[in-house]
């Protein structure tokens, strides 16, 4: 019978192979959109047209990653990024107010806290279901 440490090692090894963050696609799904979000702050009229696709790419990437490997922070950041895209869209139609700097800082801070939550809670959410023999 496998010990708890053995199960964690098997889980981590199994999930690492499926984790999009650990592959080259992570650059396309998260690094480039993050750069676009920050660069969009300096543009007066284009942020919505840069931010909406960037948030959508990051949000759908997180949801796919959460379903593929159970990455903990993706369960939080996926919906946050999609809600951020919707909010930016609503602000573009003048339905809701937005302060771009504060908004972006808030969304990226939540994403950072979600990533930091993996330190005490573990990187992957899936547990015994993947490890039954």
N, C-alpha and C. Protein backbone atom coordinates (compact mmCIF):
# COMPACT_ATOMS: atom_id res chain seq x y z
N UNK A 1 0.84 -1.18 0.00
CA UNK A 1 0.00 0.00 0.00
C UNK A 1 0.89 1.24 0.00
N UNK A 2 0.53 2.21 -0.82
CA UNK A 2 1.33 3.43 -0.98
C UNK A 2 1.12 4.37 0.20
N UNK A 3 2.20 4.99 0.63
CA UNK A 3 2.10 5.96 1.72
C UNK A 3 1.59 7.29 1.17
N UNK A 4 1.31 8.21 2.07
CA UNK A 4 0.81 9.52 1.67
C UNK A 4 1.85 10.25 0.83
N UNK A 5 3.11 10.13 1.18
CA UNK A 5 4.19 10.76 0.42
C UNK A 5 4.28 10.17 -0.98
N UNK A 6 4.15 8.84 -1.09
CA UNK A 6 4.17 8.18 -2.40
C UNK A 6 3.01 8.66 -3.25
N UNK A 7 1.84 8.78 -2.65
CA UNK A 7 0.66 9.25 -3.40
C UNK A 7 0.85 10.67 -3.91
N UNK A 8 1.43 11.52 -3.05
CA UNK A 8 1.68 12.91 -3.46
C UNK A 8 2.66 12.95 -4.62
N UNK A 9 3.70 12.14 -4.57
CA UNK A 9 4.69 12.11 -5.64
C UNK A 9 4.07 11.62 -6.94
N UNK A 10 3.23 10.59 -6.87
CA UNK A 10 2.57 10.07 -8.07
C UNK A 10 1.61 11.11 -8.62
N UNK A 11 0.85 11.75 -7.75
CA UNK A 11 -0.08 12.79 -8.18
C UNK A 11 0.65 13.93 -8.85
N UNK A 12 1.72 14.40 -8.22
CA UNK A 12 2.48 15.52 -8.77
C UNK A 12 3.07 15.16 -10.12
N UNK A 13 3.62 13.97 -10.24
CA UNK A 13 4.23 13.53 -11.50
C UNK A 13 3.18 13.41 -12.60
N UNK A 14 2.04 12.85 -12.26
CA UNK A 14 0.94 12.68 -13.22
C UNK A 14 0.42 14.04 -13.68
N UNK A 15 0.23 14.94 -12.76
CA UNK A 15 -0.34 16.24 -13.08
C UNK A 15 0.65 17.16 -13.78
N UNK A 16 1.92 17.06 -13.45
CA UNK A 16 2.93 17.89 -14.10
C UNK A 16 2.91 17.71 -15.61
N UNK A 17 2.68 16.50 -16.06
CA UNK A 17 2.66 16.23 -17.50
C UNK A 17 1.47 16.89 -18.19
N UNK A 18 0.37 17.08 -17.47
CA UNK A 18 -0.84 17.67 -18.04
C UNK A 18 -0.94 19.16 -17.81
N UNK A 19 -0.10 19.70 -16.96
CA UNK A 19 -0.17 21.10 -16.54
C UNK A 19 0.30 22.03 -17.67
N UNK A 20 -0.60 22.86 -18.17
CA UNK A 20 -0.27 23.78 -19.25
C UNK A 20 0.73 24.86 -18.82
N UNK A 21 0.76 25.18 -17.54
CA UNK A 21 1.70 26.18 -17.03
C UNK A 21 3.13 25.70 -17.22
N UNK A 22 3.35 24.41 -17.11
CA UNK A 22 4.68 23.84 -17.19
C UNK A 22 5.11 23.57 -18.63
N UNK A 23 4.29 23.91 -19.60
CA UNK A 23 4.63 23.68 -21.00
C UNK A 23 4.85 25.03 -21.69
N UNK A 24 5.30 24.97 -22.93
CA UNK A 24 5.56 26.19 -23.68
C UNK A 24 4.27 26.97 -23.95
N UNK A 25 3.14 26.30 -23.96
CA UNK A 25 1.88 27.00 -24.18
C UNK A 25 1.58 27.98 -23.05
N UNK A 26 2.20 27.78 -21.90
CA UNK A 26 2.01 28.71 -20.78
C UNK A 26 2.43 30.12 -21.14
N UNK A 27 3.45 30.25 -21.97
CA UNK A 27 3.89 31.57 -22.41
C UNK A 27 2.81 32.24 -23.23
N UNK A 28 2.19 31.49 -24.12
CA UNK A 28 1.13 32.05 -24.97
C UNK A 28 -0.15 32.33 -24.18
N UNK A 29 -0.45 31.46 -23.24
CA UNK A 29 -1.72 31.59 -22.51
C UNK A 29 -1.69 32.58 -21.36
N UNK A 30 -0.51 32.82 -20.77
CA UNK A 30 -0.48 33.71 -19.61
C UNK A 30 0.56 34.82 -19.69
N UNK A 31 1.75 34.55 -20.19
CA UNK A 31 2.79 35.59 -20.20
C UNK A 31 2.48 36.71 -21.18
N UNK A 32 2.20 36.37 -22.44
CA UNK A 32 1.90 37.40 -23.43
C UNK A 32 0.64 38.20 -23.07
N UNK A 33 -0.46 37.54 -22.65
CA UNK A 33 -1.63 38.34 -22.24
C UNK A 33 -1.35 39.25 -21.04
N UNK A 34 -0.52 38.81 -20.10
CA UNK A 34 -0.19 39.66 -18.95
C UNK A 34 0.59 40.88 -19.40
N UNK A 35 1.53 40.67 -20.31
CA UNK A 35 2.29 41.80 -20.87
C UNK A 35 1.34 42.76 -21.59
N UNK A 36 0.38 42.21 -22.34
CA UNK A 36 -0.60 43.04 -23.04
C UNK A 36 -1.46 43.83 -22.07
N UNK A 37 -1.83 43.22 -20.95
CA UNK A 37 -2.64 43.94 -19.94
C UNK A 37 -1.88 45.14 -19.39
N UNK A 38 -0.64 44.92 -19.02
CA UNK A 38 0.16 46.00 -18.44
C UNK A 38 0.46 47.07 -19.50
N UNK A 39 0.76 46.65 -20.73
CA UNK A 39 1.01 47.61 -21.81
C UNK A 39 -0.23 48.41 -22.13
N UNK A 40 -1.39 47.79 -21.99
CA UNK A 40 -2.65 48.48 -22.27
C UNK A 40 -2.93 49.65 -21.34
N UNK A 41 -2.29 49.67 -20.18
CA UNK A 41 -2.48 50.79 -19.26
C UNK A 41 -1.97 52.10 -19.85
N UNK A 42 -0.94 52.04 -20.69
CA UNK A 42 -0.36 53.27 -21.23
C UNK A 42 -1.12 53.80 -22.45
N UNK A 43 -2.05 53.02 -22.95
CA UNK A 43 -2.82 53.45 -24.13
C UNK A 43 -4.16 54.04 -23.68
N UNK A 44 -4.48 55.19 -24.19
CA UNK A 44 -5.68 55.89 -23.72
C UNK A 44 -6.98 55.23 -24.21
N UNK A 45 -7.04 54.80 -25.45
CA UNK A 45 -8.32 54.33 -26.00
C UNK A 45 -8.37 52.83 -26.24
N UNK A 46 -7.26 52.14 -26.27
CA UNK A 46 -7.26 50.74 -26.64
C UNK A 46 -7.36 49.71 -25.52
N UNK A 47 -7.24 50.06 -24.25
CA UNK A 47 -7.25 49.01 -23.24
C UNK A 47 -8.37 47.99 -23.34
N UNK A 48 -9.63 48.39 -23.57
CA UNK A 48 -10.68 47.36 -23.66
C UNK A 48 -10.42 46.35 -24.78
N UNK A 49 -9.91 46.80 -25.88
CA UNK A 49 -9.71 45.92 -27.03
C UNK A 49 -8.46 45.07 -26.88
N UNK A 50 -7.63 45.42 -25.94
CA UNK A 50 -6.48 44.58 -25.59
C UNK A 50 -6.84 43.71 -24.38
N UNK A 51 -7.50 44.31 -23.40
CA UNK A 51 -7.79 43.61 -22.16
C UNK A 51 -8.82 42.50 -22.32
N UNK A 52 -9.87 42.73 -23.06
CA UNK A 52 -10.92 41.70 -23.18
C UNK A 52 -10.35 40.41 -23.76
N UNK A 53 -9.65 40.43 -24.92
CA UNK A 53 -9.08 39.17 -25.41
C UNK A 53 -8.03 38.58 -24.46
N UNK A 54 -7.24 39.43 -23.82
CA UNK A 54 -6.22 38.92 -22.90
C UNK A 54 -6.86 38.20 -21.71
N UNK A 55 -7.88 38.81 -21.11
CA UNK A 55 -8.58 38.16 -20.00
C UNK A 55 -9.28 36.88 -20.45
N UNK A 56 -9.87 36.90 -21.64
CA UNK A 56 -10.55 35.69 -22.14
C UNK A 56 -9.55 34.56 -22.37
N UNK A 57 -8.42 34.86 -22.98
CA UNK A 57 -7.40 33.83 -23.22
C UNK A 57 -6.92 33.25 -21.89
N UNK A 58 -6.62 34.12 -20.94
CA UNK A 58 -6.12 33.65 -19.65
C UNK A 58 -7.21 32.88 -18.89
N UNK A 59 -8.44 33.36 -18.95
CA UNK A 59 -9.54 32.70 -18.24
C UNK A 59 -9.83 31.31 -18.78
N UNK A 60 -9.96 31.21 -20.12
CA UNK A 60 -10.22 29.89 -20.70
C UNK A 60 -9.03 28.97 -20.52
N UNK A 61 -7.81 29.52 -20.59
CA UNK A 61 -6.62 28.71 -20.35
C UNK A 61 -6.61 28.13 -18.95
N UNK A 62 -7.00 28.94 -17.98
CA UNK A 62 -7.06 28.46 -16.59
C UNK A 62 -8.14 27.39 -16.41
N UNK A 63 -9.30 27.60 -17.01
CA UNK A 63 -10.36 26.61 -16.87
C UNK A 63 -9.97 25.28 -17.51
N UNK A 64 -9.34 25.34 -18.67
CA UNK A 64 -8.86 24.11 -19.31
C UNK A 64 -7.80 23.45 -18.44
N UNK A 65 -6.90 24.23 -17.90
CA UNK A 65 -5.84 23.68 -17.05
C UNK A 65 -6.42 23.09 -15.77
N UNK A 66 -7.42 23.72 -15.20
CA UNK A 66 -8.05 23.18 -13.99
C UNK A 66 -8.71 21.84 -14.28
N UNK A 67 -9.33 21.72 -15.44
CA UNK A 67 -9.98 20.45 -15.76
C UNK A 67 -8.98 19.37 -16.17
N UNK A 68 -7.85 19.76 -16.75
CA UNK A 68 -6.84 18.79 -17.18
C UNK A 68 -6.04 18.23 -16.02
N UNK A 69 -5.56 19.12 -15.15
CA UNK A 69 -4.64 18.64 -14.12
C UNK A 69 -5.05 19.01 -12.70
N UNK A 70 -6.09 19.83 -12.54
CA UNK A 70 -6.53 20.19 -11.20
C UNK A 70 -5.66 21.22 -10.53
N UNK A 71 -5.00 22.07 -11.30
CA UNK A 71 -4.14 23.11 -10.71
C UNK A 71 -4.99 24.02 -9.84
N UNK A 72 -4.62 24.14 -8.58
CA UNK A 72 -5.43 24.82 -7.57
C UNK A 72 -5.74 26.26 -7.94
N UNK A 73 -4.73 27.05 -8.29
CA UNK A 73 -5.00 28.46 -8.54
C UNK A 73 -5.87 28.67 -9.77
N UNK A 74 -5.89 27.72 -10.68
CA UNK A 74 -6.71 27.87 -11.89
C UNK A 74 -8.21 27.82 -11.59
N UNK A 75 -8.59 27.13 -10.51
CA UNK A 75 -10.00 27.12 -10.11
C UNK A 75 -10.45 28.51 -9.66
N UNK A 76 -9.53 29.33 -9.22
CA UNK A 76 -9.84 30.68 -8.77
C UNK A 76 -9.65 31.68 -9.90
N UNK A 77 -8.51 31.62 -10.57
CA UNK A 77 -8.17 32.63 -11.57
C UNK A 77 -8.99 32.50 -12.84
N UNK A 78 -9.38 31.29 -13.22
CA UNK A 78 -10.18 31.13 -14.44
C UNK A 78 -11.46 31.96 -14.40
N UNK A 79 -12.31 31.75 -13.39
CA UNK A 79 -13.52 32.57 -13.30
C UNK A 79 -13.24 34.06 -13.09
N UNK A 80 -12.19 34.40 -12.33
CA UNK A 80 -11.85 35.80 -12.10
C UNK A 80 -11.51 36.49 -13.42
N UNK A 81 -10.68 35.85 -14.25
CA UNK A 81 -10.30 36.45 -15.53
C UNK A 81 -11.51 36.59 -16.46
N UNK A 82 -12.40 35.60 -16.46
CA UNK A 82 -13.59 35.71 -17.31
C UNK A 82 -14.52 36.81 -16.82
N UNK A 83 -14.68 36.92 -15.51
CA UNK A 83 -15.48 38.02 -14.96
C UNK A 83 -14.84 39.37 -15.26
N UNK A 84 -13.52 39.42 -15.23
CA UNK A 84 -12.81 40.66 -15.56
C UNK A 84 -13.08 41.06 -17.01
N UNK A 85 -13.08 40.10 -17.92
CA UNK A 85 -13.37 40.39 -19.33
C UNK A 85 -14.79 40.93 -19.49
N UNK A 86 -15.73 40.33 -18.77
CA UNK A 86 -17.13 40.80 -18.83
C UNK A 86 -17.22 42.21 -18.26
N UNK A 87 -16.56 42.46 -17.15
CA UNK A 87 -16.60 43.79 -16.52
C UNK A 87 -16.02 44.85 -17.45
N UNK A 88 -14.89 44.54 -18.09
CA UNK A 88 -14.29 45.50 -19.02
C UNK A 88 -15.24 45.75 -20.19
N UNK A 89 -15.89 44.71 -20.66
CA UNK A 89 -16.87 44.88 -21.73
C UNK A 89 -18.02 45.78 -21.31
N UNK A 90 -18.51 45.57 -20.10
CA UNK A 90 -19.60 46.41 -19.59
C UNK A 90 -19.14 47.86 -19.40
N UNK A 91 -17.90 48.03 -18.99
CA UNK A 91 -17.39 49.39 -18.82
C UNK A 91 -17.23 50.08 -20.18
N UNK A 92 -16.91 49.31 -21.21
CA UNK A 92 -16.78 49.88 -22.55
C UNK A 92 -18.13 50.42 -23.03
N UNK A 93 -19.21 49.76 -22.60
CA UNK A 93 -20.56 50.22 -22.97
C UNK A 93 -21.10 51.23 -21.97
N UNK A 94 -20.26 51.70 -21.06
CA UNK A 94 -20.61 52.70 -20.03
C UNK A 94 -21.73 52.22 -19.10
N UNK A 95 -21.79 50.93 -18.89
CA UNK A 95 -22.79 50.37 -17.96
C UNK A 95 -22.25 50.38 -16.53
N UNK A 96 -20.94 50.13 -16.40
CA UNK A 96 -20.30 50.15 -15.08
C UNK A 96 -19.07 51.04 -15.16
N UNK A 97 -18.70 51.67 -14.04
CA UNK A 97 -17.48 52.50 -14.06
C UNK A 97 -16.23 51.63 -13.93
N UNK A 98 -15.12 52.16 -14.40
CA UNK A 98 -13.86 51.44 -14.24
C UNK A 98 -12.72 52.45 -14.05
N UNK A 99 -11.84 52.13 -13.16
CA UNK A 99 -10.58 52.87 -13.00
C UNK A 99 -9.50 51.88 -13.41
N UNK A 100 -8.97 52.01 -14.62
CA UNK A 100 -8.10 50.98 -15.19
C UNK A 100 -6.95 50.52 -14.30
N UNK A 101 -6.24 51.44 -13.70
CA UNK A 101 -5.09 51.07 -12.88
C UNK A 101 -5.49 50.26 -11.66
N UNK A 102 -6.53 50.72 -10.96
CA UNK A 102 -7.00 50.03 -9.76
C UNK A 102 -7.60 48.68 -10.13
N UNK A 103 -8.36 48.65 -11.22
CA UNK A 103 -8.99 47.41 -11.67
C UNK A 103 -7.93 46.36 -11.99
N UNK A 104 -6.95 46.73 -12.81
CA UNK A 104 -5.92 45.77 -13.19
C UNK A 104 -5.11 45.32 -11.99
N UNK A 105 -4.78 46.25 -11.11
CA UNK A 105 -4.05 45.89 -9.89
C UNK A 105 -4.86 44.89 -9.05
N UNK A 106 -6.16 45.10 -8.94
CA UNK A 106 -7.02 44.22 -8.16
C UNK A 106 -7.06 42.81 -8.75
N UNK A 107 -7.27 42.73 -10.07
CA UNK A 107 -7.37 41.42 -10.73
C UNK A 107 -6.04 40.67 -10.62
N UNK A 108 -4.94 41.35 -10.90
CA UNK A 108 -3.64 40.69 -10.84
C UNK A 108 -3.24 40.34 -9.40
N UNK A 109 -3.70 41.12 -8.44
CA UNK A 109 -3.44 40.79 -7.02
C UNK A 109 -4.19 39.53 -6.61
N UNK A 110 -5.43 39.40 -7.04
CA UNK A 110 -6.20 38.19 -6.75
C UNK A 110 -5.51 36.98 -7.38
N UNK A 111 -5.04 37.13 -8.62
CA UNK A 111 -4.34 36.03 -9.29
C UNK A 111 -3.07 35.66 -8.53
N UNK A 112 -2.34 36.66 -8.07
CA UNK A 112 -1.11 36.39 -7.32
C UNK A 112 -1.42 35.68 -6.01
N UNK A 113 -2.46 36.12 -5.30
CA UNK A 113 -2.84 35.47 -4.04
C UNK A 113 -3.28 34.02 -4.28
N UNK A 114 -3.97 33.79 -5.41
CA UNK A 114 -4.38 32.43 -5.74
C UNK A 114 -3.15 31.54 -5.98
N UNK A 115 -2.14 32.08 -6.64
CA UNK A 115 -0.91 31.32 -6.86
C UNK A 115 -0.18 31.07 -5.54
N UNK A 116 -0.17 32.06 -4.66
CA UNK A 116 0.48 31.90 -3.35
C UNK A 116 -0.25 30.89 -2.47
N UNK A 117 -1.55 30.71 -2.71
CA UNK A 117 -2.33 29.74 -1.93
C UNK A 117 -1.84 28.31 -2.18
N UNK A 118 -1.15 28.10 -3.29
CA UNK A 118 -0.62 26.77 -3.57
C UNK A 118 0.53 26.39 -2.63
N UNK A 119 1.18 27.36 -2.04
CA UNK A 119 2.29 27.04 -1.13
C UNK A 119 1.82 26.22 0.07
N UNK A 120 0.80 26.69 0.83
CA UNK A 120 0.37 25.86 1.96
C UNK A 120 -0.61 24.75 1.57
N UNK A 121 -1.36 24.94 0.49
CA UNK A 121 -2.43 23.99 0.15
C UNK A 121 -2.03 22.93 -0.86
N UNK A 122 -0.93 23.14 -1.55
CA UNK A 122 -0.51 22.19 -2.57
C UNK A 122 -0.86 22.69 -3.95
N UNK A 123 -0.13 22.21 -4.93
CA UNK A 123 -0.28 22.69 -6.30
C UNK A 123 -1.52 22.14 -6.99
N UNK A 124 -1.89 20.90 -6.69
CA UNK A 124 -2.99 20.24 -7.40
C UNK A 124 -4.12 19.90 -6.46
N UNK A 125 -5.34 20.08 -6.94
CA UNK A 125 -6.53 19.85 -6.12
C UNK A 125 -6.94 18.39 -6.11
N UNK A 126 -6.76 17.70 -7.20
CA UNK A 126 -7.18 16.31 -7.29
C UNK A 126 -6.43 15.49 -6.25
N UNK A 127 -7.11 14.48 -5.74
CA UNK A 127 -6.43 13.69 -4.71
C UNK A 127 -6.61 12.20 -4.95
N UNK A 128 -7.29 11.52 -4.09
CA UNK A 128 -7.32 10.07 -4.08
C UNK A 128 -7.96 9.48 -5.35
N UNK A 129 -8.83 10.20 -6.01
CA UNK A 129 -9.48 9.65 -7.21
C UNK A 129 -8.46 9.25 -8.27
N UNK A 130 -7.42 10.04 -8.41
CA UNK A 130 -6.40 9.73 -9.41
C UNK A 130 -5.47 8.61 -8.96
N UNK A 131 -5.46 8.34 -7.67
CA UNK A 131 -4.45 7.44 -7.14
C UNK A 131 -4.96 6.07 -6.76
N UNK A 132 -6.21 5.79 -7.00
CA UNK A 132 -6.74 4.47 -6.64
C UNK A 132 -6.15 3.42 -7.58
N UNK A 133 -5.79 2.31 -6.99
CA UNK A 133 -5.17 1.23 -7.77
C UNK A 133 -6.16 0.15 -8.10
